[in-house]
Amino acid sequence: MTSKRKTWLFVLLFTGWLAGCATVERAAAPTLETQAVWAVAPFTNQTETPLAGGRAQSIASQWIAARLSPRIVLPPADWLEEGLLEKARSRSEQELLQWAKSQGARYLVTGQVTEWRYKVGVDGEPAVGLAVTVHDVTTGSRLYSAVGGRSGYSREALSAVAQKLLAELLAPLASAR
């Protein structure tokens, strides 16, 4: 293989590696009760993409059901109502904690969507930015928080990138049980 071919191969591999980059910051995971009831609130959508908060909430609740506890409670459907031109009403932390307590939940998951889009350009890579917080419903204290961003490859689905990022953000909770 010629030197020129090796250089191009390296550039292609490096470019591919960069396309799937992620940045994640998270706190140490607390010890959690097994088989606890988890409440997953709608994620606050801080993007221009309609319904991104509901999509992120759905992925997070399914991950928690698969890895932490099948006992999940979700808020009423009208809490997720969001139009194409208007965002859903954000609930206060206190309101969410009261709702979770009324559902018998031990933990409450809240979150924010800061990016949910395909980047503009030739490849149109998917990009997702999320922040997640886990609250102790009985005390109201924050037990865990994580924030991250991830971009994917040009042919990768936005939801797949979001799943990978949420799994990375929440993974320490599964090992803390």
Protein backbone atom coordinates (compact mmCIF):
# COMPACT_ATOMS: atom_id res chain seq x y z
CA MET A 1 0.00 0.00 0.00
CA THR A 2 1.39 3.38 -0.99
CA SER A 3 2.00 6.20 1.46
CA LYS A 4 -0.71 8.29 -0.17
CA ARG A 5 -3.28 5.49 0.24
CA LYS A 6 -2.31 5.01 3.89
CA THR A 7 -2.78 8.72 4.52
CA TRP A 8 -6.25 8.72 2.94
CA LEU A 9 -7.21 5.57 4.86
CA PHE A 10 -6.14 7.22 8.10
CA VAL A 11 -8.10 10.40 7.25
CA LEU A 12 -11.24 8.38 6.48
CA LEU A 13 -10.98 6.33 9.67
CA PHE A 14 -10.33 9.42 11.78
CA THR A 15 -13.27 11.27 10.19
CA GLY A 16 -15.54 8.30 10.86
CA TRP A 17 -14.41 8.16 14.47
CA LEU A 18 -15.12 11.89 14.94
CA ALA A 19 -18.62 11.54 13.48
CA GLY A 20 -19.65 9.30 16.37
CA CYS A 21 -18.25 11.45 19.18
CA ALA A 22 -19.90 11.93 22.53
CA THR A 23 -19.24 14.15 25.53
CA VAL A 24 -20.66 13.08 28.87
CA GLU A 25 -20.39 14.43 32.42
CA ARG A 26 -22.07 12.61 35.29
CA ALA A 27 -22.10 12.41 39.05
CA ALA A 28 -21.31 9.29 41.05
CA ALA A 29 -24.25 6.91 41.11
CA PRO A 30 -26.03 6.38 44.44
CA THR A 31 -27.10 3.02 45.82
CA LEU A 32 -30.67 2.41 44.67
CA GLU A 33 -33.49 0.26 45.97
CA THR A 34 -34.18 -2.72 43.76
CA GLN A 35 -37.72 -3.10 42.44
CA ALA A 36 -38.57 0.49 43.35
CA VAL A 37 -41.25 2.37 41.44
CA TRP A 38 -39.79 4.95 39.05
CA ALA A 39 -41.69 7.99 37.78
CA VAL A 40 -40.44 9.45 34.51
CA ALA A 41 -41.55 13.02 33.85
CA PRO A 42 -41.72 14.60 30.40
CA PHE A 43 -38.34 16.03 29.45
CA THR A 44 -38.31 19.79 28.98
CA ASN A 45 -37.87 20.53 25.29
CA GLN A 46 -35.41 23.40 24.88
CA THR A 47 -35.00 22.85 21.16
CA GLU A 48 -36.79 23.98 18.03
CA THR A 49 -37.75 20.35 17.28
CA PRO A 50 -41.39 19.64 18.19
CA LEU A 51 -42.07 16.69 20.52
CA ALA A 52 -38.38 16.07 21.34
CA GLY A 53 -39.13 16.04 25.09
CA GLY A 54 -41.72 13.28 24.74
CA ARG A 55 -39.38 11.21 22.57
CA ALA A 56 -36.56 11.47 25.10
CA GLN A 57 -38.94 10.59 27.95
CA SER A 58 -40.11 7.51 26.06
CA ILE A 59 -36.57 6.26 25.46
CA ALA A 60 -35.57 6.93 29.09
CA SER A 61 -38.63 5.14 30.52
CA GLN A 62 -38.03 2.08 28.36
CA TRP A 63 -34.35 1.95 29.33
CA ILE A 64 -35.25 2.17 33.02
CA ALA A 65 -37.89 -0.55 32.62
CA ALA A 66 -35.35 -2.83 30.92
CA ARG A 67 -32.38 -2.18 33.22
CA LEU A 68 -33.59 -0.94 36.62
CA SER A 69 -37.21 -1.76 37.36
CA PRO A 70 -40.25 -2.72 35.33
CA ARG A 71 -42.34 -0.64 37.73
CA ILE A 72 -42.64 2.64 35.79
CA VAL A 73 -45.27 5.34 36.11
CA LEU A 74 -45.78 8.01 33.49
CA PRO A 75 -47.70 11.28 33.81
CA PRO A 76 -51.12 11.87 32.27
CA ALA A 77 -51.14 12.13 28.48
CA ASP A 78 -52.18 15.80 28.56
CA TRP A 79 -48.82 16.64 30.21
CA LEU A 80 -47.17 15.69 26.92
CA GLU A 81 -49.39 17.78 24.67
CA GLU A 82 -47.22 19.90 22.45
CA GLY A 83 -48.11 21.43 19.14
CA LEU A 84 -45.90 22.14 16.18
CA LEU A 85 -45.83 25.83 17.05
CA GLU A 86 -46.07 25.73 20.84
CA LYS A 87 -44.16 23.88 23.52
CA ALA A 88 -45.71 21.82 26.29
CA ARG A 89 -46.08 23.56 29.64
CA SER A 90 -43.11 22.85 31.90
CA ARG A 91 -43.94 21.58 35.37
CA SER A 92 -42.10 22.79 38.45
CA GLU A 93 -39.84 20.40 40.32
CA GLN A 94 -42.17 20.58 43.32
CA GLU A 95 -45.22 19.75 41.19
CA LEU A 96 -43.40 16.78 39.64
CA LEU A 97 -42.31 15.48 43.06
CA GLN A 98 -45.88 15.73 44.38
CA TRP A 99 -47.20 13.86 41.36
CA ALA A 100 -44.54 11.14 41.73
CA LYS A 101 -45.32 10.76 45.43
CA SER A 102 -49.04 10.40 44.66
CA GLN A 103 -48.14 7.55 42.28
CA GLY A 104 -46.14 5.69 44.96
CA ALA A 105 -42.82 6.27 43.21
CA ARG A 106 -39.50 6.12 45.03
CA TYR A 107 -37.51 7.87 42.29
CA LEU A 108 -38.37 10.64 39.84
CA VAL A 109 -36.47 11.14 36.59
CA THR A 110 -36.55 14.58 35.00
CA GLY A 111 -34.63 15.83 32.02
CA GLN A 112 -33.99 18.49 29.43
CA VAL A 113 -33.46 18.13 25.69
CA THR A 114 -30.94 20.72 24.54
CA GLU A 115 -30.37 19.40 21.02
CA TRP A 116 -32.41 17.05 18.83
CA ARG A 117 -31.76 17.47 15.13
CA TYR A 118 -29.94 16.49 12.00
CA LYS A 119 -27.04 18.85 11.36
CA VAL A 120 -27.19 20.95 8.23
CA GLY A 121 -24.69 19.93 5.61
CA VAL A 122 -23.78 17.29 3.11
CA ASP A 123 -23.99 14.37 5.51
CA GLY A 124 -26.71 15.62 7.87
CA GLU A 125 -25.41 13.84 10.97
CA PRO A 126 -27.87 13.34 13.85
CA ALA A 127 -27.05 15.29 17.02
CA VAL A 128 -28.60 14.95 20.48
CA GLY A 129 -28.00 16.85 23.72
CA LEU A 130 -29.61 15.71 26.99
CA ALA A 131 -29.50 16.34 30.71
CA VAL A 132 -30.98 13.86 33.22
CA THR A 133 -31.64 14.15 36.95
CA VAL A 134 -32.83 11.46 39.38
CA HIS A 135 -34.65 12.69 42.50
CA ASP A 136 -35.45 10.87 45.73
CA VAL A 137 -39.21 11.37 45.98
CA THR A 138 -39.36 10.93 49.78
CA THR A 139 -36.78 13.64 50.52
CA GLY A 140 -36.97 15.71 47.34
CA SER A 141 -33.19 15.64 47.04
CA ARG A 142 -31.24 15.13 43.85
CA LEU A 143 -29.47 11.78 43.84
CA TYR A 144 -27.85 11.74 40.43
CA SER A 145 -27.36 13.98 37.44
CA ALA A 146 -25.72 13.62 34.06
CA VAL A 147 -25.43 15.69 30.92
CA GLY A 148 -24.12 14.84 27.51
CA GLY A 149 -24.12 15.35 23.80
CA ARG A 150 -23.61 12.90 20.99
CA SER A 151 -23.48 13.06 17.23
CA GLY A 152 -23.85 10.09 14.95
CA TYR A 153 -22.98 8.97 11.48
CA SER A 154 -24.76 10.36 8.45
CA ARG A 155 -26.90 7.24 7.93
CA GLU A 156 -27.70 6.74 11.61
CA ALA A 157 -31.18 7.45 12.98
CA LEU A 158 -31.61 10.32 15.41
CA SER A 159 -33.45 8.00 17.81
CA ALA A 160 -30.51 5.55 17.75
CA VAL A 161 -28.12 8.34 18.74
CA ALA A 162 -30.52 9.38 21.52
CA GLN A 163 -30.73 5.78 22.77
CA LYS A 164 -26.95 5.49 22.91
CA LEU A 165 -26.60 8.80 24.75
CA LEU A 166 -29.33 8.02 27.29
CA ALA A 167 -27.84 4.57 27.91
CA GLU A 168 -24.47 6.20 28.55
CA LEU A 169 -26.00 8.80 30.87
CA LEU A 170 -28.03 6.27 32.87
CA ALA A 171 -25.64 3.26 32.85
CA PRO A 172 -24.06 4.05 36.27
CA LEU A 173 -27.50 3.64 37.87
CA ALA A 174 -27.72 0.01 36.71
CA SER A 175 -24.40 -0.84 38.35
CA ALA A 176 -25.39 0.94 41.59
CA ARG A 177 -28.24 -1.43 42.46
